[in-house]
Amino acid sequence: MKEALRIVVVAPDLVVDPADEDALAQAERSRSLRIGLLEGGFNLIAILPADTFLTERLSQLQPDMVIVDAESAARDALEHVVVATRDERRPIVMFTNDHDTLLAREAVAAGVSAYVVAGLSTERIRPILDVAMARFQHEQSLRQELADARSELSGRKLIDRAKGLLMQRQGLSEQEAYDKLRKAAMNKGLKLHEVAQRMLDMADLLA
């Protein structure tokens, strides 16, 4: 059986004034959210405030997903969560009654996987989180592909520089220089670009 997603909700500690319609709406949304998480089989491991200790708390709890449940000071809450997940990326889902389109754009630009405004019903929560997780995983895959491509390009540049050095100093052809690098890599159990980097570092020392 698949283990339930471990979720942390970042939300303000509400003291609801019955005369405050906005506070009542936020309280109702928060209630629907938590009921929906429980009914959806999710593991709600903590409800945390958006404060300076959030990074440390998330690092300790290691949730699979972070949900931002914010209304007042929504920007501040979002900023805290983005900073707290910068080094250990996690999908972020934001639930709010704030219709500010600028905040929505900022949220998406900051890496929020789903931004949901109002109209929250408990049965909608699972599909929203499923889509957010799928989107996050897809984006992570694209980031990894980009990082791999950059690493490969950097490695090729190192190899080309090392070949050029061998060709210049030992009078080798390009193929002979490549073969020499490859043989050194095989003998030392290293990757070709690692041998190239070592050779260039040694050349810099002896220059």
N, C-alpha and C. Protein backbone atom coordinates (compact mmCIF):
# COMPACT_ATOMS: atom_id res chain seq x y z
N MET A 1 0.84 -1.20 0.00
CA MET A 1 0.00 0.00 0.00
C MET A 1 0.87 1.25 0.00
N LYS A 2 0.52 2.22 -0.86
CA LYS A 2 1.32 3.44 -0.97
C LYS A 2 1.17 4.27 0.29
N GLU A 3 2.32 4.75 0.80
CA GLU A 3 2.31 5.55 2.03
C GLU A 3 1.69 6.91 1.76
N ALA A 4 0.88 7.38 2.70
CA ALA A 4 0.19 8.66 2.55
C ALA A 4 1.20 9.81 2.51
N LEU A 5 0.90 10.81 1.68
CA LEU A 5 1.75 11.99 1.62
C LEU A 5 1.78 12.67 2.99
N ARG A 6 2.98 13.04 3.41
CA ARG A 6 3.16 13.74 4.68
C ARG A 6 3.10 15.24 4.39
N ILE A 7 2.12 15.91 4.99
CA ILE A 7 1.83 17.30 4.65
C ILE A 7 1.96 18.20 5.87
N VAL A 8 2.59 19.35 5.64
CA VAL A 8 2.63 20.41 6.63
C VAL A 8 1.78 21.56 6.11
N VAL A 9 0.89 22.08 6.95
CA VAL A 9 0.10 23.26 6.59
C VAL A 9 0.70 24.47 7.30
N VAL A 10 0.98 25.51 6.54
CA VAL A 10 1.46 26.76 7.10
C VAL A 10 0.28 27.72 7.14
N ALA A 11 -0.12 28.10 8.35
CA ALA A 11 -1.33 28.91 8.51
C ALA A 11 -1.20 29.80 9.74
N PRO A 12 -1.89 30.94 9.73
CA PRO A 12 -1.87 31.81 10.91
C PRO A 12 -2.70 31.20 12.03
N ASP A 13 -2.37 31.58 13.22
CA ASP A 13 -3.14 31.15 14.38
C ASP A 13 -4.32 32.12 14.54
N LEU A 14 -5.49 31.71 14.07
CA LEU A 14 -6.63 32.62 13.98
C LEU A 14 -7.38 32.77 15.30
N VAL A 15 -7.68 34.01 15.62
CA VAL A 15 -8.64 34.31 16.67
C VAL A 15 -9.82 34.97 15.96
N VAL A 16 -10.89 34.21 15.78
CA VAL A 16 -11.96 34.64 14.90
C VAL A 16 -12.96 35.53 15.63
N ASP A 17 -13.16 36.71 15.05
CA ASP A 17 -14.19 37.63 15.53
C ASP A 17 -15.46 37.34 14.73
N PRO A 18 -16.55 36.95 15.40
CA PRO A 18 -17.80 36.63 14.67
C PRO A 18 -18.29 37.76 13.77
N ALA A 19 -17.86 38.97 14.05
CA ALA A 19 -18.29 40.10 13.24
C ALA A 19 -17.39 40.33 12.03
N ASP A 20 -16.28 39.61 11.97
CA ASP A 20 -15.31 39.78 10.88
C ASP A 20 -15.59 38.73 9.81
N GLU A 21 -16.22 39.14 8.71
CA GLU A 21 -16.61 38.20 7.66
C GLU A 21 -15.39 37.56 6.98
N ASP A 22 -14.34 38.35 6.79
CA ASP A 22 -13.14 37.79 6.16
C ASP A 22 -12.50 36.72 7.03
N ALA A 23 -12.42 36.98 8.33
CA ALA A 23 -11.85 36.01 9.26
C ALA A 23 -12.70 34.74 9.31
N LEU A 24 -14.01 34.90 9.27
CA LEU A 24 -14.91 33.74 9.27
C LEU A 24 -14.73 32.91 8.00
N ALA A 25 -14.56 33.60 6.88
CA ALA A 25 -14.36 32.89 5.61
C ALA A 25 -13.05 32.12 5.62
N GLN A 26 -12.01 32.75 6.17
CA GLN A 26 -10.72 32.06 6.25
C GLN A 26 -10.81 30.86 7.18
N ALA A 27 -11.50 31.04 8.31
CA ALA A 27 -11.64 29.93 9.26
C ALA A 27 -12.40 28.76 8.63
N GLU A 28 -13.42 29.07 7.85
CA GLU A 28 -14.20 28.01 7.19
C GLU A 28 -13.35 27.31 6.13
N ARG A 29 -12.55 28.09 5.38
CA ARG A 29 -11.68 27.47 4.39
C ARG A 29 -10.65 26.56 5.06
N SER A 30 -10.07 27.03 6.16
CA SER A 30 -9.09 26.24 6.89
C SER A 30 -9.71 24.94 7.40
N ARG A 31 -10.94 25.05 7.90
CA ARG A 31 -11.65 23.86 8.40
C ARG A 31 -11.89 22.87 7.26
N SER A 32 -12.36 23.37 6.11
CA SER A 32 -12.61 22.50 4.95
C SER A 32 -11.33 21.85 4.47
N LEU A 33 -10.24 22.62 4.50
CA LEU A 33 -8.95 22.09 4.06
C LEU A 33 -8.51 20.92 4.93
N ARG A 34 -8.58 21.10 6.23
CA ARG A 34 -8.11 20.05 7.14
C ARG A 34 -9.01 18.82 7.09
N ILE A 35 -10.30 19.03 6.97
CA ILE A 35 -11.22 17.90 6.81
C ILE A 35 -10.91 17.17 5.52
N GLY A 36 -10.70 17.94 4.44
CA GLY A 36 -10.40 17.32 3.14
C GLY A 36 -9.11 16.52 3.17
N LEU A 37 -8.09 17.01 3.88
CA LEU A 37 -6.83 16.28 3.99
C LEU A 37 -7.04 14.95 4.71
N LEU A 38 -7.80 14.99 5.80
CA LEU A 38 -8.05 13.77 6.56
C LEU A 38 -8.91 12.78 5.77
N GLU A 39 -9.95 13.30 5.12
CA GLU A 39 -10.82 12.42 4.33
C GLU A 39 -10.10 11.87 3.11
N GLY A 40 -9.14 12.62 2.60
CA GLY A 40 -8.39 12.17 1.42
C GLY A 40 -7.28 11.19 1.77
N GLY A 41 -7.11 10.89 3.05
CA GLY A 41 -6.10 9.92 3.44
C GLY A 41 -4.70 10.49 3.55
N PHE A 42 -4.58 11.81 3.59
CA PHE A 42 -3.27 12.43 3.72
C PHE A 42 -2.84 12.43 5.18
N ASN A 43 -1.52 12.50 5.38
CA ASN A 43 -0.96 12.51 6.73
C ASN A 43 -0.60 13.94 7.09
N LEU A 44 -1.49 14.62 7.82
CA LEU A 44 -1.24 15.99 8.24
C LEU A 44 -0.35 15.96 9.48
N ILE A 45 0.94 16.23 9.28
CA ILE A 45 1.90 16.03 10.37
C ILE A 45 2.09 17.26 11.24
N ALA A 46 1.76 18.45 10.72
CA ALA A 46 1.94 19.65 11.55
C ALA A 46 1.22 20.84 10.92
N ILE A 47 0.82 21.76 11.78
CA ILE A 47 0.32 23.07 11.35
C ILE A 47 1.27 24.10 11.95
N LEU A 48 1.97 24.85 11.08
CA LEU A 48 3.03 25.73 11.53
C LEU A 48 2.75 27.18 11.16
N PRO A 49 3.24 28.11 11.98
CA PRO A 49 3.13 29.53 11.60
C PRO A 49 4.22 29.89 10.59
N ALA A 50 3.97 30.92 9.82
CA ALA A 50 4.97 31.41 8.86
C ALA A 50 5.90 32.37 9.58
N ASP A 51 6.94 31.81 10.20
CA ASP A 51 7.87 32.65 10.95
C ASP A 51 9.31 32.29 10.61
N THR A 52 10.24 32.89 11.31
CA THR A 52 11.66 32.71 11.00
C THR A 52 12.16 31.31 11.35
N PHE A 53 11.38 30.53 12.08
CA PHE A 53 11.80 29.18 12.45
C PHE A 53 11.29 28.13 11.46
N LEU A 54 10.59 28.57 10.41
CA LEU A 54 9.95 27.62 9.49
C LEU A 54 10.95 26.72 8.78
N THR A 55 12.09 27.29 8.35
CA THR A 55 13.10 26.49 7.65
C THR A 55 13.57 25.33 8.52
N GLU A 56 13.88 25.63 9.76
CA GLU A 56 14.36 24.60 10.68
C GLU A 56 13.29 23.54 10.93
N ARG A 57 12.05 23.97 11.10
CA ARG A 57 10.97 23.02 11.38
C ARG A 57 10.70 22.11 10.19
N LEU A 58 10.72 22.67 9.00
CA LEU A 58 10.51 21.83 7.81
C LEU A 58 11.66 20.85 7.63
N SER A 59 12.87 21.29 7.94
CA SER A 59 14.02 20.41 7.84
C SER A 59 13.90 19.23 8.79
N GLN A 60 13.35 19.48 9.96
CA GLN A 60 13.17 18.41 10.95
C GLN A 60 12.04 17.46 10.55
N LEU A 61 10.95 18.02 10.04
CA LEU A 61 9.76 17.22 9.74
C LEU A 61 9.85 16.49 8.40
N GLN A 62 10.58 17.07 7.43
CA GLN A 62 10.74 16.48 6.10
C GLN A 62 9.40 16.10 5.46
N PRO A 63 8.49 17.06 5.30
CA PRO A 63 7.21 16.76 4.66
C PRO A 63 7.36 16.53 3.16
N ASP A 64 6.37 15.85 2.58
CA ASP A 64 6.37 15.64 1.13
C ASP A 64 5.81 16.85 0.40
N MET A 65 4.99 17.63 1.10
CA MET A 65 4.32 18.78 0.49
C MET A 65 4.04 19.83 1.56
N VAL A 66 4.08 21.10 1.14
CA VAL A 66 3.75 22.21 2.04
C VAL A 66 2.52 22.93 1.49
N ILE A 67 1.52 23.10 2.35
CA ILE A 67 0.32 23.84 1.96
C ILE A 67 0.31 25.17 2.70
N VAL A 68 0.13 26.25 1.94
CA VAL A 68 0.02 27.58 2.54
C VAL A 68 -1.45 27.94 2.60
N ASP A 69 -1.97 28.12 3.79
CA ASP A 69 -3.36 28.51 4.00
C ASP A 69 -3.35 29.92 4.56
N ALA A 70 -3.49 30.91 3.67
CA ALA A 70 -3.25 32.29 4.11
C ALA A 70 -4.26 33.25 3.52
N GLU A 71 -4.53 34.26 4.27
CA GLU A 71 -5.41 35.34 3.80
C GLU A 71 -4.73 36.68 4.09
N SER A 72 -4.79 37.12 5.32
CA SER A 72 -4.07 38.33 5.69
C SER A 72 -2.57 38.03 5.66
N ALA A 73 -1.80 38.99 5.18
CA ALA A 73 -0.33 38.83 5.06
C ALA A 73 0.04 37.60 4.24
N ALA A 74 -0.74 37.33 3.20
CA ALA A 74 -0.48 36.16 2.36
C ALA A 74 0.90 36.22 1.72
N ARG A 75 1.32 37.42 1.32
CA ARG A 75 2.64 37.58 0.71
C ARG A 75 3.74 37.19 1.69
N ASP A 76 3.58 37.64 2.94
CA ASP A 76 4.59 37.31 3.95
C ASP A 76 4.67 35.81 4.17
N ALA A 77 3.52 35.15 4.25
CA ALA A 77 3.49 33.70 4.45
C ALA A 77 4.15 32.99 3.28
N LEU A 78 3.83 33.43 2.06
CA LEU A 78 4.42 32.82 0.87
C LEU A 78 5.93 33.01 0.86
N GLU A 79 6.39 34.20 1.20
CA GLU A 79 7.83 34.48 1.21
C GLU A 79 8.56 33.57 2.20
N HIS A 80 7.99 33.41 3.39
CA HIS A 80 8.60 32.53 4.39
C HIS A 80 8.71 31.09 3.86
N VAL A 81 7.66 30.60 3.22
CA VAL A 81 7.65 29.22 2.73
C VAL A 81 8.64 29.04 1.58
N VAL A 82 8.70 30.00 0.67
CA VAL A 82 9.63 29.91 -0.46
C VAL A 82 11.07 29.89 0.05
N VAL A 83 11.38 30.76 1.01
CA VAL A 83 12.73 30.78 1.59
C VAL A 83 13.03 29.46 2.30
N ALA A 84 12.04 28.95 3.02
CA ALA A 84 12.23 27.72 3.81
C ALA A 84 12.41 26.49 2.95
N THR A 85 11.96 26.54 1.69
CA THR A 85 12.07 25.36 0.80
C THR A 85 13.09 25.59 -0.32
N ARG A 86 13.88 26.64 -0.19
CA ARG A 86 14.83 26.98 -1.27
C ARG A 86 15.90 25.90 -1.44
N ASP A 87 16.44 25.41 -0.34
CA ASP A 87 17.52 24.43 -0.41
C ASP A 87 17.00 22.99 -0.54
N GLU A 88 15.82 22.74 0.02
CA GLU A 88 15.19 21.42 -0.11
C GLU A 88 13.82 21.63 -0.74
N ARG A 89 13.79 21.56 -2.06
CA ARG A 89 12.57 21.89 -2.79
C ARG A 89 11.46 20.88 -2.50
N ARG A 90 10.27 21.42 -2.33
CA ARG A 90 9.07 20.61 -2.10
C ARG A 90 7.91 21.26 -2.84
N PRO A 91 6.91 20.47 -3.23
CA PRO A 91 5.73 21.10 -3.84
C PRO A 91 5.02 21.99 -2.84
N ILE A 92 4.60 23.16 -3.31
CA ILE A 92 3.89 24.12 -2.47
C ILE A 92 2.52 24.36 -3.09
N VAL A 93 1.48 24.24 -2.28
CA VAL A 93 0.12 24.53 -2.72
C VAL A 93 -0.41 25.66 -1.86
N MET A 94 -1.02 26.66 -2.50
CA MET A 94 -1.52 27.81 -1.75
C MET A 94 -3.03 27.90 -1.88
N PHE A 95 -3.71 27.94 -0.74
CA PHE A 95 -5.15 28.15 -0.68
C PHE A 95 -5.40 29.52 -0.08
N THR A 96 -6.22 30.32 -0.75
CA THR A 96 -6.49 31.68 -0.28
C THR A 96 -7.82 32.17 -0.82
N ASN A 97 -8.38 33.18 -0.17
CA ASN A 97 -9.54 33.89 -0.70
C ASN A 97 -9.13 35.20 -1.37
N ASP A 98 -7.81 35.41 -1.45
CA ASP A 98 -7.28 36.66 -2.01
C ASP A 98 -7.31 36.57 -3.54
N HIS A 99 -8.09 37.46 -4.17
CA HIS A 99 -8.22 37.44 -5.62
C HIS A 99 -7.17 38.32 -6.31
N ASP A 100 -6.17 38.75 -5.61
CA ASP A 100 -5.13 39.62 -6.16
C ASP A 100 -4.34 38.86 -7.24
N THR A 101 -4.51 39.27 -8.48
CA THR A 101 -3.83 38.56 -9.59
C THR A 101 -2.32 38.72 -9.51
N LEU A 102 -1.85 39.83 -8.97
CA LEU A 102 -0.40 40.03 -8.84
C LEU A 102 0.18 39.00 -7.88
N LEU A 103 -0.52 38.74 -6.77
CA LEU A 103 -0.05 37.73 -5.82
C LEU A 103 -0.02 36.36 -6.48
N ALA A 104 -1.02 36.07 -7.30
CA ALA A 104 -1.05 34.78 -7.99
C ALA A 104 0.16 34.63 -8.91
N ARG A 105 0.50 35.70 -9.62
CA ARG A 105 1.67 35.66 -10.51
C ARG A 105 2.95 35.49 -9.71
N GLU A 106 3.04 36.22 -8.60
CA GLU A 106 4.22 36.09 -7.74
C GLU A 106 4.35 34.68 -7.20
N ALA A 107 3.22 34.09 -6.84
CA ALA A 107 3.24 32.74 -6.29
C ALA A 107 3.74 31.74 -7.32
N VAL A 108 3.22 31.83 -8.53
CA VAL A 108 3.65 30.91 -9.59
C VAL A 108 5.13 31.12 -9.92
N ALA A 109 5.55 32.39 -10.00
CA ALA A 109 6.96 32.69 -10.29
C ALA A 109 7.87 32.17 -9.19
N ALA A 110 7.36 32.13 -7.95
CA ALA A 110 8.17 31.66 -6.82
C ALA A 110 8.24 30.14 -6.74
N GLY A 111 7.46 29.46 -7.57
CA GLY A 111 7.54 28.00 -7.60
C GLY A 111 6.35 27.29 -6.99
N VAL A 112 5.27 28.01 -6.72
CA VAL A 112 4.07 27.37 -6.18
C VAL A 112 3.47 26.45 -7.24
N SER A 113 3.20 25.21 -6.86
CA SER A 113 2.70 24.21 -7.82
C SER A 113 1.22 24.36 -8.10
N ALA A 114 0.47 24.92 -7.15
CA ALA A 114 -0.96 25.15 -7.36
C ALA A 114 -1.39 26.34 -6.51
N TYR A 115 -2.20 27.22 -7.10
CA TYR A 115 -2.69 28.41 -6.42
C TYR A 115 -4.21 28.38 -6.54
N VAL A 116 -4.89 28.18 -5.41
CA VAL A 116 -6.34 27.95 -5.43
C VAL A 116 -7.03 29.09 -4.69
N VAL A 117 -7.95 29.76 -5.38
CA VAL A 117 -8.65 30.90 -4.81
C VAL A 117 -10.10 30.53 -4.52
N ALA A 118 -10.46 30.62 -3.25
CA ALA A 118 -11.85 30.48 -2.80
C ALA A 118 -12.50 29.17 -3.31
N GLY A 119 -13.77 29.04 -3.08
CA GLY A 119 -14.55 27.92 -3.58
C GLY A 119 -14.01 26.56 -3.18
N LEU A 120 -13.38 26.46 -2.01
CA LEU A 120 -12.76 25.20 -1.62
C LEU A 120 -13.79 24.25 -1.00
N SER A 121 -13.90 23.08 -1.61
CA SER A 121 -14.73 22.02 -1.04
C SER A 121 -13.84 20.82 -0.77
N THR A 122 -14.19 20.05 0.24
CA THR A 122 -13.31 18.96 0.68
C THR A 122 -13.01 17.97 -0.44
N GLU A 123 -13.99 17.71 -1.32
CA GLU A 123 -13.77 16.71 -2.38
C GLU A 123 -12.80 17.20 -3.46
N ARG A 124 -12.54 18.51 -3.50
CA ARG A 124 -11.62 19.04 -4.50
C ARG A 124 -10.17 18.90 -4.08
N ILE A 125 -9.93 18.67 -2.81
CA ILE A 125 -8.56 18.76 -2.29
C ILE A 125 -7.65 17.68 -2.87
N ARG A 126 -8.09 16.42 -2.89
CA ARG A 126 -7.23 15.36 -3.41
C ARG A 126 -6.82 15.60 -4.86
N PRO A 127 -7.76 15.86 -5.79
CA PRO A 127 -7.30 16.10 -7.17
C PRO A 127 -6.38 17.30 -7.30
N ILE A 128 -6.61 18.34 -6.49
CA ILE A 128 -5.72 19.51 -6.53
C ILE A 128 -4.30 19.12 -6.12
N LEU A 129 -4.20 18.38 -5.03
CA LEU A 129 -2.87 17.99 -4.54
C LEU A 129 -2.20 16.98 -5.46
N ASP A 130 -2.99 16.09 -6.05
CA ASP A 130 -2.43 15.11 -6.99
C ASP A 130 -1.82 15.82 -8.20
N VAL A 131 -2.55 16.81 -8.73
CA VAL A 131 -2.04 17.57 -9.88
C VAL A 131 -0.81 18.38 -9.49
N ALA A 132 -0.84 18.98 -8.29
CA ALA A 132 0.31 19.77 -7.82
C ALA A 132 1.55 18.90 -7.69
N MET A 133 1.40 17.69 -7.15
CA MET A 133 2.54 16.79 -7.01
C MET A 133 3.07 16.37 -8.37
N ALA A 134 2.17 16.06 -9.30
CA ALA A 134 2.59 15.66 -10.65
C ALA A 134 3.33 16.80 -11.34
N ARG A 135 2.82 18.02 -11.18
CA ARG A 135 3.47 19.18 -11.79
C ARG A 135 4.85 19.40 -11.19
N PHE A 136 4.95 19.29 -9.88
CA PHE A 136 6.23 19.47 -9.20
C PHE A 136 7.24 18.43 -9.68
N GLN A 137 6.83 17.18 -9.75
CA GLN A 137 7.74 16.12 -10.19
C GLN A 137 8.19 16.33 -11.63
N HIS A 138 7.27 16.80 -12.48
CA HIS A 138 7.62 17.09 -13.88
C HIS A 138 8.65 18.22 -13.94
N GLU A 139 8.43 19.28 -13.16
CA GLU A 139 9.37 20.41 -13.15
C GLU A 139 10.73 20.00 -12.60
N GLN A 140 10.73 19.14 -11.59
CA GLN A 140 11.99 18.65 -11.04
C GLN A 140 12.75 17.84 -12.09
N SER A 141 12.01 17.05 -12.86
CA SER A 141 12.63 16.26 -13.92
C SER A 141 13.26 17.17 -14.98
N LEU A 142 12.55 18.24 -15.33
CA LEU A 142 13.08 19.19 -16.32
C LEU A 142 14.33 19.89 -15.77
N ARG A 143 14.29 20.25 -14.48
CA ARG A 143 15.46 20.89 -13.87
C ARG A 143 16.67 19.96 -13.89
N GLN A 144 16.43 18.67 -13.60
CA GLN A 144 17.52 17.71 -13.59
C GLN A 144 18.09 17.53 -14.99
N GLU A 145 17.20 17.47 -15.99
CA GLU A 145 17.66 17.35 -17.38
C GLU A 145 18.51 18.56 -17.77
N LEU A 146 18.07 19.75 -17.35
CA LEU A 146 18.83 20.96 -17.67
C LEU A 146 20.19 20.94 -16.97
N ALA A 147 20.19 20.52 -15.70
CA ALA A 147 21.45 20.45 -14.95
C ALA A 147 22.40 19.44 -15.59
N ASP A 148 21.84 18.29 -16.02
CA ASP A 148 22.66 17.26 -16.67
C ASP A 148 23.25 17.79 -17.98
N ALA A 149 22.42 18.51 -18.74
CA ALA A 149 22.88 19.05 -20.02
C ALA A 149 24.00 20.07 -19.80
N ARG A 150 23.84 20.92 -18.78
CA ARG A 150 24.88 21.91 -18.49
C ARG A 150 26.16 21.24 -18.03
N SER A 151 26.01 20.18 -17.22
CA SER A 151 27.17 19.45 -16.74
C SER A 151 27.90 18.78 -17.90
N GLU A 152 27.12 18.21 -18.82
CA GLU A 152 27.73 17.55 -19.99
C GLU A 152 28.47 18.56 -20.86
N LEU A 153 27.87 19.73 -21.06
CA LEU A 153 28.51 20.77 -21.86
C LEU A 153 29.80 21.24 -21.20
N SER A 154 29.74 21.43 -19.87
CA SER A 154 30.93 21.85 -19.13
C SER A 154 32.02 20.80 -19.23
N GLY A 155 31.62 19.51 -19.15
CA GLY A 155 32.59 18.43 -19.26
C GLY A 155 33.26 18.39 -20.63
N ARG A 156 32.46 18.62 -21.66
CA ARG A 156 33.02 18.62 -23.02
C ARG A 156 34.03 19.74 -23.20
N LYS A 157 33.72 20.89 -22.60
CA LYS A 157 34.65 22.03 -22.71
C LYS A 157 35.97 21.71 -22.01
N LEU A 158 35.89 21.05 -20.85
CA LEU A 158 37.11 20.65 -20.14
C LEU A 158 37.94 19.68 -20.98
N ILE A 159 37.26 18.70 -21.58
CA ILE A 159 37.96 17.70 -22.40
C ILE A 159 38.63 18.37 -23.60
N ASP A 160 37.91 19.31 -24.24
CA ASP A 160 38.48 20.00 -25.40
C ASP A 160 39.71 20.81 -24.99
N ARG A 161 39.65 21.46 -23.80
CA ARG A 161 40.81 22.23 -23.34
C ARG A 161 41.99 21.31 -23.04
N ALA A 162 41.71 20.17 -22.42
CA ALA A 162 42.78 19.23 -22.09
C ALA A 162 43.40 18.64 -23.36
N LYS A 163 42.56 18.33 -24.34
CA LYS A 163 43.08 17.83 -25.63
C LYS A 163 43.98 18.89 -26.27
N GLY A 164 43.52 20.13 -26.25
CA GLY A 164 44.32 21.21 -26.83
C GLY A 164 45.67 21.35 -26.14
N LEU A 165 45.69 21.17 -24.82
CA LEU A 165 46.93 21.26 -24.07
C LEU A 165 47.89 20.14 -24.48
N LEU A 166 47.37 18.91 -24.59
CA LEU A 166 48.21 17.79 -25.00
C LEU A 166 48.72 17.96 -26.43
N MET A 167 47.86 18.46 -27.29
CA MET A 167 48.26 18.66 -28.69
C MET A 167 49.37 19.70 -28.78
N GLN A 168 49.25 20.74 -27.95
CA GLN A 168 50.24 21.81 -27.98
C GLN A 168 51.57 21.38 -27.37
N ARG A 169 51.52 20.70 -26.22
CA ARG A 169 52.75 20.41 -25.49
C ARG A 169 53.42 19.11 -25.92
N GLN A 170 52.63 18.17 -26.45
CA GLN A 170 53.22 16.88 -26.81
C GLN A 170 53.15 16.60 -28.30
N GLY A 171 52.67 17.55 -29.06
CA GLY A 171 52.63 17.41 -30.51
C GLY A 171 51.72 16.29 -30.98
N LEU A 172 50.64 16.03 -30.25
CA LEU A 172 49.73 14.95 -30.60
C LEU A 172 48.63 15.45 -31.53
N SER A 173 48.06 14.51 -32.28
CA SER A 173 46.87 14.84 -33.05
C SER A 173 45.68 14.88 -32.09
N GLU A 174 44.56 15.39 -32.58
CA GLU A 174 43.37 15.46 -31.72
C GLU A 174 42.93 14.07 -31.26
N GLN A 175 42.95 13.09 -32.16
CA GLN A 175 42.55 11.73 -31.80
C GLN A 175 43.53 11.11 -30.81
N GLU A 176 44.84 11.37 -31.01
CA GLU A 176 45.84 10.84 -30.08
C GLU A 176 45.67 11.45 -28.68
N ALA A 177 45.37 12.74 -28.65
CA ALA A 177 45.17 13.41 -27.37
C ALA A 177 43.93 12.84 -26.66
N TYR A 178 42.88 12.61 -27.42
CA TYR A 178 41.65 12.04 -26.84
C TYR A 178 41.92 10.63 -26.33
N ASP A 179 42.61 9.83 -27.11
CA ASP A 179 42.92 8.45 -26.70
C ASP A 179 43.76 8.44 -25.42
N LYS A 180 44.68 9.37 -25.30
CA LYS A 180 45.52 9.43 -24.11
C LYS A 180 44.68 9.79 -22.87
N LEU A 181 43.77 10.73 -23.03
CA LEU A 181 42.87 11.09 -21.93
C LEU A 181 41.98 9.90 -21.54
N ARG A 182 41.46 9.22 -22.54
CA ARG A 182 40.57 8.08 -22.27
C ARG A 182 41.33 6.96 -21.57
N LYS A 183 42.57 6.69 -21.98
CA LYS A 183 43.36 5.65 -21.35
C LYS A 183 43.65 6.02 -19.89
N ALA A 184 43.97 7.29 -19.64
CA ALA A 184 44.24 7.73 -18.27
C ALA A 184 42.98 7.59 -17.41
N ALA A 185 41.83 7.90 -17.98
CA ALA A 185 40.57 7.78 -17.24
C ALA A 185 40.29 6.32 -16.88
N MET A 186 40.54 5.42 -17.83
CA MET A 186 40.31 3.99 -17.58
C MET A 186 41.26 3.46 -16.52
N ASN A 187 42.52 3.87 -16.60
CA ASN A 187 43.53 3.39 -15.65
C ASN A 187 43.25 3.87 -14.22
N LYS A 188 42.72 5.09 -14.11
CA LYS A 188 42.49 5.68 -12.79
C LYS A 188 41.06 5.47 -12.29
N GLY A 189 40.22 4.88 -13.14
CA GLY A 189 38.82 4.67 -12.74
C GLY A 189 38.05 5.96 -12.59
N LEU A 190 38.38 6.94 -13.43
CA LEU A 190 37.72 8.24 -13.36
C LEU A 190 36.96 8.51 -14.65
N LYS A 191 36.09 9.51 -14.59
CA LYS A 191 35.41 9.95 -15.81
C LYS A 191 36.36 10.82 -16.63
N LEU A 192 36.08 10.87 -17.91
CA LEU A 192 36.98 11.58 -18.82
C LEU A 192 37.14 13.05 -18.42
N HIS A 193 36.03 13.70 -18.07
CA HIS A 193 36.12 15.12 -17.72
C HIS A 193 36.85 15.33 -16.39
N GLU A 194 36.84 14.32 -15.52
CA GLU A 194 37.58 14.43 -14.26
C GLU A 194 39.08 14.39 -14.51
N VAL A 195 39.51 13.52 -15.41
CA VAL A 195 40.93 13.47 -15.79
C VAL A 195 41.34 14.78 -16.45
N ALA A 196 40.46 15.29 -17.31
CA ALA A 196 40.74 16.56 -17.98
C ALA A 196 40.90 17.69 -16.96
N GLN A 197 40.02 17.73 -15.97
CA GLN A 197 40.09 18.77 -14.95
C GLN A 197 41.40 18.68 -14.17
N ARG A 198 41.80 17.45 -13.80
CA ARG A 198 43.05 17.27 -13.05
C ARG A 198 44.25 17.71 -13.88
N MET A 199 44.22 17.39 -15.15
CA MET A 199 45.33 17.76 -16.03
C MET A 199 45.43 19.28 -16.15
N LEU A 200 44.28 19.93 -16.30
CA LEU A 200 44.28 21.40 -16.42
C LEU A 200 44.72 22.06 -15.11
N ASP A 201 44.28 21.49 -13.99
CA ASP A 201 44.70 22.03 -12.68
C ASP A 201 46.20 21.91 -12.50
N MET A 202 46.77 20.77 -12.89
CA MET A 202 48.21 20.57 -12.79
C MET A 202 48.97 21.52 -13.71
N ALA A 203 48.41 21.73 -14.91
CA ALA A 203 49.05 22.66 -15.83
C ALA A 203 49.07 24.08 -15.28
N ASP A 204 47.98 24.45 -14.59
CA ASP A 204 47.91 25.79 -13.99
C ASP A 204 48.96 25.94 -12.88
N LEU A 205 49.16 24.85 -12.11
CA LEU A 205 50.15 24.89 -11.04
C LEU A 205 51.57 25.04 -11.56
N LEU A 206 51.82 24.40 -12.70
CA LEU A 206 53.17 24.39 -13.26
C LEU A 206 53.45 25.55 -14.20
N ALA A 207 52.38 26.33 -14.45
CA ALA A 207 52.53 27.44 -15.42
C ALA A 207 53.41 28.54 -14.82
